[in-house]
Amino acid sequence: MAGIDIFNLTPSTISRDLSGKSFLIYGDKKSGKTSNAVKFPKPILVVFEKGYNMLSGVMAQPINKWKETLDVKKQLLKDAKAVEDGDKSETIFKTVIVDTADLAYDMCEAYILAKEGVDYLDETESKRGYKAVEREYDAYFQDIVKAGYTLVVISHSDTKQIKENGEKYDRTQPTVDKRGLKVLARLVDVIGYSTFEPTESGENRMVLYLRGSKELEAGSRNKYMSAKIPFTYNALLEDMQQAIDKLAKEDGATVTDKPIEVYKEQSEVADFKETVAKIRKIAKALNDQGMMDKYTAITNKELGKGKLVRDCDATQIDLLMLILDDLQDLIREEGILIEE
């Protein structure tokens, strides 16, 4: 059997190493978000917000438009690939810090607006621009994590009144656009809220909340991480490592100190071929059901009237993935089963 072989799988292992782990840290102004993030191993600060002028020795790349983030990502992935190919022993950077998620999302949206030739996402055909922004934003962060880098994303905090089931309450959450937060919340391993709390001596200390509630956006994939810790890099690292050790002790998890390659690289060409193959399979099923009019309506919407999937190339992968998403929604609605 080529490719996937589920009968040769091995149990997953949890690494104490930070490689490939991801964090969303948001909070109050001057609560240590950036100053602690740059203490992660070998960091590069991808700066959308110029707030690092009081940090010494930081390797920072200012960003003024989304294309520059793509240039940074391309160089990071190239460096990771060189290590994978055995051309060098380790990457120049180990941690990628994005400061802030808010401005990154705004630039990502501006990039899609320019590609679509409109001023507002509502003006895109069938409002497809919203999905395109989400996909572009998600791909940026996913690619960095898949390359084995530790990812730290920074945002500010805001408290909003929430109305739910007839109840009103205040909720503290990141200020990044709700669609950007949706992307990050499903990606990161830890969401931490940084703030100040008074000590017995009357001074303020920085703390990081790692467990959330309906009033606070926070949480971790590891149930043994503390609810609240002093906000320092060392305290965060120690708490994560003790939580991993507890997984081994209490839940029988297999733990290692070595980095683990969780994701396997998938090339653009492979993605393109797989996407086209899936579209063709759905097209055949729709044709068998006499529903090619609905298929054509979807392809016309994304590619333009009269343009065909078979005429697309790998540079149009985003449009093809939008088509695939719509087709999958259609067959679910119609109750059509597609054999894998």
C-alpha atoms as a PDB file:
ATOM      1  CA  MET A   1       0.000   0.000   0.000  1.00  0.00           C
ATOM      2  CA  ALA A   2       1.468   3.368  -1.010  1.00  0.00           C
ATOM      3  CA  GLY A   3       1.217   6.407   1.265  1.00  0.00           C
ATOM      4  CA  ILE A   4      -0.945   5.903   4.360  1.00  0.00           C
ATOM      5  CA  ASP A   5      -0.787   2.539   6.131  1.00  0.00           C
ATOM      6  CA  ILE A   6      -2.954   2.585   9.254  1.00  0.00           C
ATOM      7  CA  PHE A   7      -1.782  -0.907  10.282  1.00  0.00           C
ATOM      8  CA  ASN A   8       1.784   0.321  10.841  1.00  0.00           C
ATOM      9  CA  LEU A   9       0.927   3.257  13.094  1.00  0.00           C
ATOM     10  CA  THR A  10       2.799   3.718  16.363  1.00  0.00           C
ATOM     11  CA  PRO A  11       1.383   5.330  19.545  1.00  0.00           C
ATOM     12  CA  SER A  12       1.905   9.083  19.751  1.00  0.00           C
ATOM     13  CA  THR A  13       4.624  10.516  21.988  1.00  0.00           C
ATOM     14  CA  ILE A  14       4.534  13.824  23.867  1.00  0.00           C
ATOM     15  CA  SER A  15       7.692  15.946  23.846  1.00  0.00           C
ATOM     16  CA  ARG A  16       8.862  18.273  26.592  1.00  0.00           C
ATOM     17  CA  ASP A  17      10.642  20.195  23.843  1.00  0.00           C
ATOM     18  CA  LEU A  18       8.898  23.366  22.657  1.00  0.00           C
ATOM     19  CA  SER A  19       9.438  22.662  18.935  1.00  0.00           C
ATOM     20  CA  GLY A  20       6.153  22.669  17.066  1.00  0.00           C
ATOM     21  CA  LYS A  21       4.166  23.907  20.078  1.00  0.00           C
ATOM     22  CA  SER A  22       2.104  27.056  19.747  1.00  0.00           C
ATOM     23  CA  PHE A  23       0.912  29.768  22.115  1.00  0.00           C
ATOM     24  CA  LEU A  24      -1.548  32.657  21.955  1.00  0.00           C
ATOM     25  CA  ILE A  25      -0.672  35.150  24.655  1.00  0.00           C
ATOM     26  CA  TYR A  26      -2.905  38.182  25.049  1.00  0.00           C
ATOM     27  CA  GLY A  27      -3.463  40.643  27.831  1.00  0.00           C
ATOM     28  CA  ASP A  28      -3.240  44.084  29.317  1.00  0.00           C
ATOM     29  CA  LYS A  29      -0.822  46.730  28.120  1.00  0.00           C
ATOM     30  CA  LYS A  30       2.737  46.366  29.438  1.00  0.00           C
ATOM     31  CA  SER A  31       1.899  43.009  31.063  1.00  0.00           C
ATOM     32  CA  GLY A  32       4.992  41.217  29.748  1.00  0.00           C
ATOM     33  CA  LYS A  33       3.672  39.687  26.542  1.00  0.00           C
ATOM     34  CA  THR A  34       6.522  40.616  24.193  1.00  0.00           C
ATOM     35  CA  SER A  35       9.274  40.776  26.820  1.00  0.00           C
ATOM     36  CA  ASN A  36       8.564  37.167  27.838  1.00  0.00           C
ATOM     37  CA  ALA A  37       7.985  35.929  24.293  1.00  0.00           C
ATOM     38  CA  VAL A  38      11.490  36.963  23.222  1.00  0.00           C
ATOM     39  CA  LYS A  39      12.930  34.692  25.937  1.00  0.00           C
ATOM     40  CA  PHE A  40      11.774  31.624  24.012  1.00  0.00           C
ATOM     41  CA  PRO A  41      14.657  29.769  22.273  1.00  0.00           C
ATOM     42  CA  LYS A  42      16.297  31.599  19.334  1.00  0.00           C
ATOM     43  CA  PRO A  43      13.368  33.904  18.534  1.00  0.00           C
ATOM     44  CA  ILE A  44      12.563  36.041  15.521  1.00  0.00           C
ATOM     45  CA  LEU A  45      10.063  38.800  16.205  1.00  0.00           C
ATOM     46  CA  VAL A  46       7.754  39.335  13.222  1.00  0.00           C
ATOM     47  CA  VAL A  47       6.616  42.828  14.096  1.00  0.00           C
ATOM     48  CA  PHE A  48       3.344  44.313  12.921  1.00  0.00           C
ATOM     49  CA  GLU A  49       3.257  46.616  15.941  1.00  0.00           C
ATOM     50  CA  LYS A  50       6.339  48.650  16.772  1.00  0.00           C
ATOM     51  CA  GLY A  51       6.533  47.836  20.471  1.00  0.00           C
ATOM     52  CA  TYR A  52      10.028  46.386  20.862  1.00  0.00           C
ATOM     53  CA  ASN A  53      12.135  49.553  20.992  1.00  0.00           C
ATOM     54  CA  MET A  54      12.944  48.985  24.688  1.00  0.00           C
ATOM     55  CA  LEU A  55      14.030  45.360  24.185  1.00  0.00           C
ATOM     56  CA  SER A  56      17.749  44.844  23.667  1.00  0.00           C
ATOM     57  CA  GLY A  57      19.274  42.331  21.277  1.00  0.00           C
ATOM     58  CA  VAL A  58      16.010  41.245  19.654  1.00  0.00           C
ATOM     59  CA  MET A  59      16.080  39.902  16.092  1.00  0.00           C
ATOM     60  CA  ALA A  60      13.059  41.748  14.704  1.00  0.00           C
ATOM     61  CA  GLN A  61      11.609  41.998  11.201  1.00  0.00           C
ATOM     62  CA  PRO A  62       9.145  44.892  10.804  1.00  0.00           C
ATOM     63  CA  ILE A  63       6.146  44.129   8.600  1.00  0.00           C
ATOM     64  CA  ASN A  64       4.284  46.747   6.573  1.00  0.00           C
ATOM     65  CA  LYS A  65       2.159  44.565   4.296  1.00  0.00           C
ATOM     66  CA  TRP A  66       1.089  40.935   4.083  1.00  0.00           C
ATOM     67  CA  LYS A  67       3.432  40.080   1.221  1.00  0.00           C
ATOM     68  CA  GLU A  68       6.322  40.693   3.599  1.00  0.00           C
ATOM     69  CA  THR A  69       4.946  38.058   5.993  1.00  0.00           C
ATOM     70  CA  LEU A  70       4.906  35.611   3.085  1.00  0.00           C
ATOM     71  CA  ASP A  71       8.535  36.497   2.329  1.00  0.00           C
ATOM     72  CA  VAL A  72       9.447  35.813   5.976  1.00  0.00           C
ATOM     73  CA  LYS A  73       7.563  32.509   5.965  1.00  0.00           C
ATOM     74  CA  LYS A  74       9.234  31.441   2.722  1.00  0.00           C
ATOM     75  CA  GLN A  75      12.692  32.000   4.220  1.00  0.00           C
ATOM     76  CA  LEU A  76      11.764  30.191   7.456  1.00  0.00           C
ATOM     77  CA  LEU A  77      10.423  27.182   5.571  1.00  0.00           C
ATOM     78  CA  LYS A  78      13.473  27.108   3.318  1.00  0.00           C
ATOM     79  CA  ASP A  79      15.744  27.045   6.367  1.00  0.00           C
ATOM     80  CA  ALA A  80      13.690  24.236   7.954  1.00  0.00           C
ATOM     81  CA  LYS A  81      13.836  22.276   4.689  1.00  0.00           C
ATOM     82  CA  ALA A  82      17.641  22.595   4.620  1.00  0.00           C
ATOM     83  CA  VAL A  83      17.788  20.937   8.043  1.00  0.00           C
ATOM     84  CA  GLU A  84      15.380  18.207   6.930  1.00  0.00           C
ATOM     85  CA  ASP A  85      17.531  17.537   3.872  1.00  0.00           C
ATOM     86  CA  GLY A  86      20.662  17.293   6.007  1.00  0.00           C
ATOM     87  CA  ASP A  87      22.293  20.398   4.526  1.00  0.00           C
ATOM     88  CA  LYS A  88      22.676  21.959   7.988  1.00  0.00           C
ATOM     89  CA  SER A  89      22.305  20.841  11.599  1.00  0.00           C
ATOM     90  CA  GLU A  90      19.700  23.303  12.873  1.00  0.00           C
ATOM     91  CA  THR A  91      17.592  26.276  11.866  1.00  0.00           C
ATOM     92  CA  ILE A  92      18.765  29.824  12.499  1.00  0.00           C
ATOM     93  CA  PHE A  93      15.607  30.557  14.479  1.00  0.00           C
ATOM     94  CA  LYS A  94      13.585  28.210  16.689  1.00  0.00           C
ATOM     95  CA  THR A  95      10.723  30.482  17.771  1.00  0.00           C
ATOM     96  CA  VAL A  96       8.530  32.689  15.577  1.00  0.00           C
ATOM     97  CA  ILE A  97       6.763  35.509  17.434  1.00  0.00           C
ATOM     98  CA  VAL A  98       3.927  37.354  15.693  1.00  0.00           C
ATOM     99  CA  ASP A  99       3.206  40.714  17.320  1.00  0.00           C
ATOM    100  CA  THR A 100       0.304  41.340  16.993  1.00  0.00           C
ATOM    101  CA  ALA A 101      -2.312  38.913  15.676  1.00  0.00           C
ATOM    102  CA  ASP A 102      -4.687  41.866  15.349  1.00  0.00           C
ATOM    103  CA  LEU A 103      -2.626  43.839  12.844  1.00  0.00           C
ATOM    104  CA  ALA A 104      -1.576  40.659  11.054  1.00  0.00           C
ATOM    105  CA  TYR A 105      -5.237  39.849  10.409  1.00  0.00           C
ATOM    106  CA  ASP A 106      -5.906  43.392   9.161  1.00  0.00           C
ATOM    107  CA  MET A 107      -3.008  43.157   6.688  1.00  0.00           C
ATOM    108  CA  CYS A 108      -4.139  39.703   5.589  1.00  0.00           C
ATOM    109  CA  GLU A 109      -7.596  41.089   4.870  1.00  0.00           C
ATOM    110  CA  ALA A 110      -6.112  44.020   2.923  1.00  0.00           C
ATOM    111  CA  TYR A 111      -4.109  41.508   0.861  1.00  0.00           C
ATOM    112  CA  ILE A 112      -7.232  39.555  -0.084  1.00  0.00           C
ATOM    113  CA  LEU A 113      -9.152  42.754  -0.869  1.00  0.00           C
ATOM    114  CA  ALA A 114      -6.382  43.774  -3.264  1.00  0.00           C
ATOM    115  CA  LYS A 115      -6.413  40.331  -4.913  1.00  0.00           C
ATOM    116  CA  GLU A 116     -10.162  40.503  -5.341  1.00  0.00           C
ATOM    117  CA  GLY A 117     -10.079  44.122  -6.543  1.00  0.00           C
ATOM    118  CA  VAL A 118     -12.696  45.333  -4.043  1.00  0.00           C
ATOM    119  CA  ASP A 119     -12.833  47.695  -1.069  1.00  0.00           C
ATOM    120  CA  TYR A 120     -14.900  45.485   1.248  1.00  0.00           C
ATOM    121  CA  LEU A 121     -15.213  41.728   1.694  1.00  0.00           C
ATOM    122  CA  ASP A 122     -18.986  42.018   1.303  1.00  0.00           C
ATOM    123  CA  GLU A 123     -18.349  43.038  -2.302  1.00  0.00           C
ATOM    124  CA  THR A 124     -16.697  39.721  -3.211  1.00  0.00           C
ATOM    125  CA  GLU A 125     -18.884  37.290  -5.115  1.00  0.00           C
ATOM    126  CA  SER A 126     -21.076  35.377  -2.649  1.00  0.00           C
ATOM    127  CA  LYS A 127     -18.897  37.011   0.041  1.00  0.00           C
ATOM    128  CA  ARG A 128     -16.194  34.424  -0.689  1.00  0.00           C
ATOM    129  CA  GLY A 129     -13.593  36.934   0.514  1.00  0.00           C
ATOM    130  CA  TYR A 130     -14.297  36.105   4.153  1.00  0.00           C
ATOM    131  CA  LYS A 131     -13.401  32.462   3.620  1.00  0.00           C
ATOM    132  CA  ALA A 132     -10.352  33.445   1.562  1.00  0.00           C
ATOM    133  CA  VAL A 133      -9.007  35.658   4.392  1.00  0.00           C
ATOM    134  CA  GLU A 134      -9.555  32.917   6.945  1.00  0.00           C
ATOM    135  CA  ARG A 135      -7.801  30.382   4.738  1.00  0.00           C
ATOM    136  CA  GLU A 136      -4.833  32.683   4.047  1.00  0.00           C
ATOM    137  CA  TYR A 137      -4.457  33.593   7.731  1.00  0.00           C
ATOM    138  CA  ASP A 138      -4.706  29.953   8.804  1.00  0.00           C
ATOM    139  CA  ALA A 139      -2.178  28.774   6.214  1.00  0.00           C
ATOM    140  CA  TYR A 140       0.424  31.264   7.443  1.00  0.00           C
ATOM    141  CA  PHE A 141       0.407  29.976  11.018  1.00  0.00           C
ATOM    142  CA  GLN A 142      -0.118  26.324  10.116  1.00  0.00           C
ATOM    143  CA  ASP A 143       2.913  26.310   7.819  1.00  0.00           C
ATOM    144  CA  ILE A 144       5.165  27.742  10.529  1.00  0.00           C
ATOM    145  CA  VAL A 145       4.088  25.143  13.090  1.00  0.00           C
ATOM    146  CA  LYS A 146       4.307  22.303  10.580  1.00  0.00           C
ATOM    147  CA  ALA A 147       7.890  23.308   9.823  1.00  0.00           C
ATOM    148  CA  GLY A 148       8.738  22.592  13.481  1.00  0.00           C
ATOM    149  CA  TYR A 149       9.012  26.135  14.822  1.00  0.00           C
ATOM    150  CA  THR A 150       7.630  27.161  18.204  1.00  0.00           C
ATOM    151  CA  LEU A 151       4.934  29.760  17.514  1.00  0.00           C
ATOM    152  CA  VAL A 152       4.038  32.592  19.883  1.00  0.00           C
ATOM    153  CA  VAL A 153       1.203  34.876  18.780  1.00  0.00           C
ATOM    154  CA  ILE A 154       0.514  38.066  20.726  1.00  0.00           C
ATOM    155  CA  SER A 155      -2.701  40.050  21.019  1.00  0.00           C
ATOM    156  CA  HIS A 156      -4.202  42.718  23.264  1.00  0.00           C
ATOM    157  CA  SER A 157      -7.208  42.160  25.520  1.00  0.00           C
ATOM    158  CA  ASP A 158     -10.675  43.613  25.685  1.00  0.00           C
ATOM    159  CA  THR A 159     -13.698  43.018  27.899  1.00  0.00           C
ATOM    160  CA  LYS A 160     -17.055  42.825  26.152  1.00  0.00           C
ATOM    161  CA  GLN A 161     -20.578  42.310  27.393  1.00  0.00           C
ATOM    162  CA  ILE A 162     -21.970  38.978  26.214  1.00  0.00           C
ATOM    163  CA  LYS A 163     -25.667  38.161  25.936  1.00  0.00           C
ATOM    164  CA  GLU A 164     -26.350  34.436  26.134  1.00  0.00           C
ATOM    165  CA  ASN A 165     -29.547  32.571  26.984  1.00  0.00           C
ATOM    166  CA  GLY A 166     -31.070  35.689  28.462  1.00  0.00           C
ATOM    167  CA  GLU A 167     -28.009  36.316  30.651  1.00  0.00           C
ATOM    168  CA  LYS A 168     -25.554  39.210  30.407  1.00  0.00           C
ATOM    169  CA  TYR A 169     -21.965  38.931  31.565  1.00  0.00           C
ATOM    170  CA  ASP A 170     -18.541  40.447  30.832  1.00  0.00           C
ATOM    171  CA  ARG A 171     -15.974  38.365  28.945  1.00  0.00           C
ATOM    172  CA  THR A 172     -12.258  39.125  28.561  1.00  0.00           C
ATOM    173  CA  GLN A 173     -10.845  37.962  25.231  1.00  0.00           C
ATOM    174  CA  PRO A 174      -8.221  38.821  22.591  1.00  0.00           C
ATOM    175  CA  THR A 175      -8.873  41.872  20.426  1.00  0.00           C
ATOM    176  CA  VAL A 176      -8.027  40.057  17.176  1.00  0.00           C
ATOM    177  CA  ASP A 177     -10.949  39.848  14.723  1.00  0.00           C
ATOM    178  CA  LYS A 178     -13.352  37.022  15.640  1.00  0.00           C
ATOM    179  CA  ARG A 179     -12.471  35.117  12.448  1.00  0.00           C
ATOM    180  CA  GLY A 180      -8.771  35.417  13.271  1.00  0.00           C
ATOM    181  CA  LEU A 181      -9.438  34.240  16.820  1.00  0.00           C
ATOM    182  CA  LYS A 182     -11.329  31.247  15.426  1.00  0.00           C
ATOM    183  CA  VAL A 183      -8.225  30.288  13.404  1.00  0.00           C
ATOM    184  CA  LEU A 184      -5.828  30.714  16.318  1.00  0.00           C
ATOM    185  CA  ALA A 185      -8.026  29.067  18.954  1.00  0.00           C
ATOM    186  CA  ARG A 186      -8.188  25.826  16.992  1.00  0.00           C
ATOM    187  CA  LEU A 187      -4.445  25.878  16.254  1.00  0.00           C
ATOM    188  CA  VAL A 188      -2.600  26.785  19.441  1.00  0.00           C
ATOM    189  CA  ASP A 189      -1.763  24.493  22.344  1.00  0.00           C
ATOM    190  CA  VAL A 190      -2.043  27.225  24.977  1.00  0.00           C
ATOM    191  CA  ILE A 191      -4.104  30.410  25.256  1.00  0.00           C
ATOM    192  CA  GLY A 192      -2.821  32.566  28.111  1.00  0.00           C
ATOM    193  CA  TYR A 193      -4.149  35.848  29.513  1.00  0.00           C
ATOM    194  CA  SER A 194      -1.547  38.169  31.061  1.00  0.00           C
ATOM    195  CA  THR A 195      -2.420  40.816  33.611  1.00  0.00           C
ATOM    196  CA  PHE A 196      -1.266  42.430  36.848  1.00  0.00           C
ATOM    197  CA  GLU A 197      -2.212  41.405  40.368  1.00  0.00           C
ATOM    198  CA  PRO A 198      -1.267  43.150  43.629  1.00  0.00           C
ATOM    199  CA  THR A 199       1.041  41.358  46.062  1.00  0.00           C
ATOM    200  CA  GLU A 200       0.862  41.491  49.854  1.00  0.00           C
ATOM    201  CA  SER A 201       3.520  44.187  49.802  1.00  0.00           C
ATOM    202  CA  GLY A 202       1.294  46.361  47.609  1.00  0.00           C
ATOM    203  CA  GLU A 203       3.346  45.915  44.444  1.00  0.00           C
ATOM    204  CA  ASN A 204       1.969  44.577  41.195  1.00  0.00           C
ATOM    205  CA  ARG A 205       3.227  41.319  39.716  1.00  0.00           C
ATOM    206  CA  MET A 206       2.602  39.896  36.254  1.00  0.00           C
ATOM    207  CA  VAL A 207       0.526  36.707  36.160  1.00  0.00           C
ATOM    208  CA  LEU A 208      -0.641  34.448  33.341  1.00  0.00           C
ATOM    209  CA  TYR A 209      -4.023  32.722  33.432  1.00  0.00           C
ATOM    210  CA  LEU A 210      -4.004  29.342  31.674  1.00  0.00           C
ATOM    211  CA  ARG A 211      -7.537  28.174  32.394  1.00  0.00           C
ATOM    212  CA  GLY A 212     -10.603  29.903  31.099  1.00  0.00           C
ATOM    213  CA  SER A 213     -14.256  30.300  31.996  1.00  0.00           C
ATOM    214  CA  LYS A 214     -17.243  31.920  30.384  1.00  0.00           C
ATOM    215  CA  GLU A 215     -15.797  35.229  31.594  1.00  0.00           C
ATOM    216  CA  LEU A 216     -12.250  34.599  30.322  1.00  0.00           C
ATOM    217  CA  GLU A 217     -10.730  33.214  27.102  1.00  0.00           C
ATOM    218  CA  ALA A 218      -7.872  30.927  28.179  1.00  0.00           C
ATOM    219  CA  GLY A 219      -6.980  27.263  28.177  1.00  0.00           C
ATOM    220  CA  SER A 220      -4.557  24.492  27.295  1.00  0.00           C
ATOM    221  CA  ARG A 221      -4.629  21.132  25.523  1.00  0.00           C
ATOM    222  CA  ASN A 222      -2.956  19.702  28.649  1.00  0.00           C
ATOM    223  CA  LYS A 223      -5.428  19.354  31.508  1.00  0.00           C
ATOM    224  CA  TYR A 224      -2.629  19.393  34.088  1.00  0.00           C
ATOM    225  CA  MET A 225      -1.359  22.897  33.388  1.00  0.00           C
ATOM    226  CA  SER A 226      -1.967  25.292  36.288  1.00  0.00           C
ATOM    227  CA  ALA A 227      -4.875  27.701  36.364  1.00  0.00           C
ATOM    228  CA  LYS A 228      -2.543  30.642  37.007  1.00  0.00           C
ATOM    229  CA  ILE A 229       1.235  31.104  37.175  1.00  0.00           C
ATOM    230  CA  PRO A 230       3.669  34.002  37.613  1.00  0.00           C
ATOM    231  CA  PHE A 231       4.201  35.366  34.116  1.00  0.00           C
ATOM    232  CA  THR A 232       7.798  34.602  33.254  1.00  0.00           C
ATOM    233  CA  TYR A 233       9.149  32.452  30.458  1.00  0.00           C
ATOM    234  CA  ASN A 234      10.740  30.039  32.941  1.00  0.00           C
ATOM    235  CA  ALA A 235       7.506  29.666  34.914  1.00  0.00           C
ATOM    236  CA  LEU A 236       5.562  28.898  31.730  1.00  0.00           C
ATOM    237  CA  LEU A 237       8.147  26.353  30.546  1.00  0.00           C
ATOM    238  CA  GLU A 238       8.295  24.658  33.966  1.00  0.00           C
ATOM    239  CA  ASP A 239       4.516  24.488  34.224  1.00  0.00           C
ATOM    240  CA  MET A 240       4.192  22.950  30.772  1.00  0.00           C
ATOM    241  CA  GLN A 241       6.880  20.372  31.548  1.00  0.00           C
ATOM    242  CA  GLN A 242       5.346  19.400  34.904  1.00  0.00           C
ATOM    243  CA  ALA A 243       1.986  19.023  33.164  1.00  0.00           C
ATOM    244  CA  ILE A 244       3.550  16.740  30.549  1.00  0.00           C
ATOM    245  CA  ASP A 245       5.247  14.690  33.277  1.00  0.00           C
ATOM    246  CA  LYS A 246       1.877  14.358  35.021  1.00  0.00           C
ATOM    247  CA  LEU A 247       0.372  13.056  31.792  1.00  0.00           C
ATOM    248  CA  ALA A 248       3.015  10.331  31.891  1.00  0.00           C
ATOM    249  CA  LYS A 249       2.429   9.527  35.565  1.00  0.00           C
ATOM    250  CA  GLU A 250      -1.355   9.789  35.749  1.00  0.00           C
ATOM    251  CA  ASP A 251      -2.447   8.869  32.218  1.00  0.00           C
ATOM    252  CA  GLY A 252       0.397   6.599  31.096  1.00  0.00           C
ATOM    253  CA  ALA A 253       1.463   8.916  28.265  1.00  0.00           C
ATOM    254  CA  THR A 254       4.776   8.257  26.503  1.00  0.00           C
ATOM    255  CA  VAL A 255       7.071  11.259  27.000  1.00  0.00           C
ATOM    256  CA  THR A 256      10.415  12.258  25.481  1.00  0.00           C
ATOM    257  CA  ASP A 257      12.816  15.196  25.653  1.00  0.00           C
ATOM    258  CA  LYS A 258      13.464  15.031  21.909  1.00  0.00           C
ATOM    259  CA  PRO A 259      11.627  17.181  19.341  1.00  0.00           C
ATOM    260  CA  ILE A 260       8.882  15.318  17.494  1.00  0.00           C
ATOM    261  CA  GLU A 261       7.919  15.872  13.865  1.00  0.00           C
ATOM    262  CA  VAL A 262       4.135  15.918  14.218  1.00  0.00           C
ATOM    263  CA  TYR A 263       3.407  17.008  10.658  1.00  0.00           C
ATOM    264  CA  LYS A 264       4.709  15.665   7.388  1.00  0.00           C
ATOM    265  CA  GLU A 265       5.484  18.094   4.616  1.00  0.00           C
ATOM    266  CA  GLN A 266       2.999  18.206   1.761  1.00  0.00           C
ATOM    267  CA  SER A 267       4.043  20.040  -1.373  1.00  0.00           C
ATOM    268  CA  GLU A 268       1.910  22.550  -3.237  1.00  0.00           C
ATOM    269  CA  VAL A 269       1.772  20.209  -6.252  1.00  0.00           C
ATOM    270  CA  ALA A 270       0.595  17.307  -4.100  1.00  0.00           C
ATOM    271  CA  ASP A 271      -2.080  19.516  -2.531  1.00  0.00           C
ATOM    272  CA  PHE A 272      -3.141  20.673  -5.976  1.00  0.00           C
ATOM    273  CA  LYS A 273      -3.425  17.167  -7.416  1.00  0.00           C
ATOM    274  CA  GLU A 274      -5.314  15.861  -4.412  1.00  0.00           C
ATOM    275  CA  THR A 275      -7.760  18.788  -4.477  1.00  0.00           C
ATOM    276  CA  VAL A 276      -8.461  18.382  -8.201  1.00  0.00           C
ATOM    277  CA  ALA A 277      -8.979  14.635  -7.735  1.00  0.00           C
ATOM    278  CA  LYS A 278     -11.525  15.252  -4.969  1.00  0.00           C
ATOM    279  CA  ILE A 279     -13.366  17.823  -7.096  1.00  0.00           C
ATOM    280  CA  ARG A 280     -13.538  15.402 -10.027  1.00  0.00           C
ATOM    281  CA  LYS A 281     -14.887  12.628  -7.809  1.00  0.00           C
ATOM    282  CA  ILE A 282     -17.659  14.899  -6.521  1.00  0.00           C
ATOM    283  CA  ALA A 283     -18.367  16.130 -10.070  1.00  0.00           C
ATOM    284  CA  LYS A 284     -18.881  12.537 -11.227  1.00  0.00           C
ATOM    285  CA  ALA A 285     -21.260  11.839  -8.352  1.00  0.00           C
ATOM    286  CA  LEU A 286     -23.253  14.999  -9.105  1.00  0.00           C
ATOM    287  CA  ASN A 287     -23.358  14.092 -12.784  1.00  0.00           C
ATOM    288  CA  ASP A 288     -24.740  10.655 -11.879  1.00  0.00           C
ATOM    289  CA  GLN A 289     -27.458  12.425  -9.921  1.00  0.00           C
ATOM    290  CA  GLY A 290     -28.271  14.830 -12.766  1.00  0.00           C
ATOM    291  CA  MET A 291     -27.040  17.802 -10.727  1.00  0.00           C
ATOM    292  CA  MET A 292     -24.279  19.219 -12.925  1.00  0.00           C
ATOM    293  CA  ASP A 293     -26.091  22.561 -12.987  1.00  0.00           C
ATOM    294  CA  LYS A 294     -25.256  22.993  -9.303  1.00  0.00           C
ATOM    295  CA  TYR A 295     -21.642  21.959  -9.902  1.00  0.00           C
ATOM    296  CA  THR A 296     -21.325  24.501 -12.728  1.00  0.00           C
ATOM    297  CA  ALA A 297     -22.865  27.227 -10.577  1.00  0.00           C
ATOM    298  CA  ILE A 298     -20.186  26.663  -7.928  1.00  0.00           C
ATOM    299  CA  THR A 299     -17.253  26.602 -10.366  1.00  0.00           C
ATOM    300  CA  ASN A 300     -18.579  29.682 -12.180  1.00  0.00           C
ATOM    301  CA  LYS A 301     -18.835  31.488  -8.857  1.00  0.00           C
ATOM    302  CA  GLU A 302     -15.171  30.933  -8.005  1.00  0.00           C
ATOM    303  CA  LEU A 303     -13.461  30.773 -11.426  1.00  0.00           C
ATOM    304  CA  GLY A 304     -15.739  32.914 -13.575  1.00  0.00           C
ATOM    305  CA  LYS A 305     -18.340  31.857 -16.100  1.00  0.00           C
ATOM    306  CA  GLY A 306     -17.157  29.247 -18.564  1.00  0.00           C
ATOM    307  CA  LYS A 307     -13.812  28.549 -16.872  1.00  0.00           C
ATOM    308  CA  LEU A 308     -13.072  24.919 -15.993  1.00  0.00           C
ATOM    309  CA  VAL A 309     -11.250  23.189 -13.143  1.00  0.00           C
ATOM    310  CA  ARG A 310      -9.141  21.250 -15.660  1.00  0.00           C
ATOM    311  CA  ASP A 311      -7.695  24.540 -16.933  1.00  0.00           C
ATOM    312  CA  CYS A 312      -6.404  25.544 -13.471  1.00  0.00           C
ATOM    313  CA  ASP A 313      -2.837  25.127 -12.250  1.00  0.00           C
ATOM    314  CA  ALA A 314      -1.195  24.947  -8.820  1.00  0.00           C
ATOM    315  CA  THR A 315      -1.123  28.740  -8.437  1.00  0.00           C
ATOM    316  CA  GLN A 316      -4.941  28.653  -8.212  1.00  0.00           C
ATOM    317  CA  ILE A 317      -5.024  26.184  -5.322  1.00  0.00           C
ATOM    318  CA  ASP A 318      -6.888  28.648  -3.061  1.00  0.00           C
ATOM    319  CA  LEU A 319      -9.755  28.988  -5.559  1.00  0.00           C
ATOM    320  CA  LEU A 320      -9.904  25.234  -6.024  1.00  0.00           C
ATOM    321  CA  MET A 321     -10.065  24.689  -2.275  1.00  0.00           C
ATOM    322  CA  LEU A 322     -12.948  27.171  -2.073  1.00  0.00           C
ATOM    323  CA  ILE A 323     -14.719  25.169  -4.791  1.00  0.00           C
ATOM    324  CA  LEU A 324     -14.043  21.935  -2.903  1.00  0.00           C
ATOM    325  CA  ASP A 325     -15.440  23.411   0.311  1.00  0.00           C
ATOM    326  CA  ASP A 326     -18.652  24.469  -1.454  1.00  0.00           C
ATOM    327  CA  LEU A 327     -19.007  21.110  -3.201  1.00  0.00           C
ATOM    328  CA  GLN A 328     -18.549  19.227   0.068  1.00  0.00           C
ATOM    329  CA  ASP A 329     -21.225  21.414   1.648  1.00  0.00           C
ATOM    330  CA  LEU A 330     -23.508  20.639  -1.297  1.00  0.00           C
ATOM    331  CA  ILE A 331     -23.140  16.861  -1.142  1.00  0.00           C
ATOM    332  CA  ARG A 332     -23.706  16.916   2.618  1.00  0.00           C
ATOM    333  CA  GLU A 333     -26.903  18.900   2.114  1.00  0.00           C
ATOM    334  CA  GLU A 334     -28.048  16.527  -0.634  1.00  0.00           C
ATOM    335  CA  GLY A 335     -27.088  13.399   1.300  1.00  0.00           C
ATOM    336  CA  ILE A 336     -24.767  12.161  -1.466  1.00  0.00           C
ATOM    337  CA  LEU A 337     -22.107   9.701  -0.325  1.00  0.00           C
ATOM    338  CA  ILE A 338     -18.670   9.761  -1.950  1.00  0.00           C
ATOM    339  CA  GLU A 339     -16.445   6.707  -1.663  1.00  0.00           C
ATOM    340  CA  GLU A 340     -12.938   7.560  -0.452  1.00  0.00           C
END
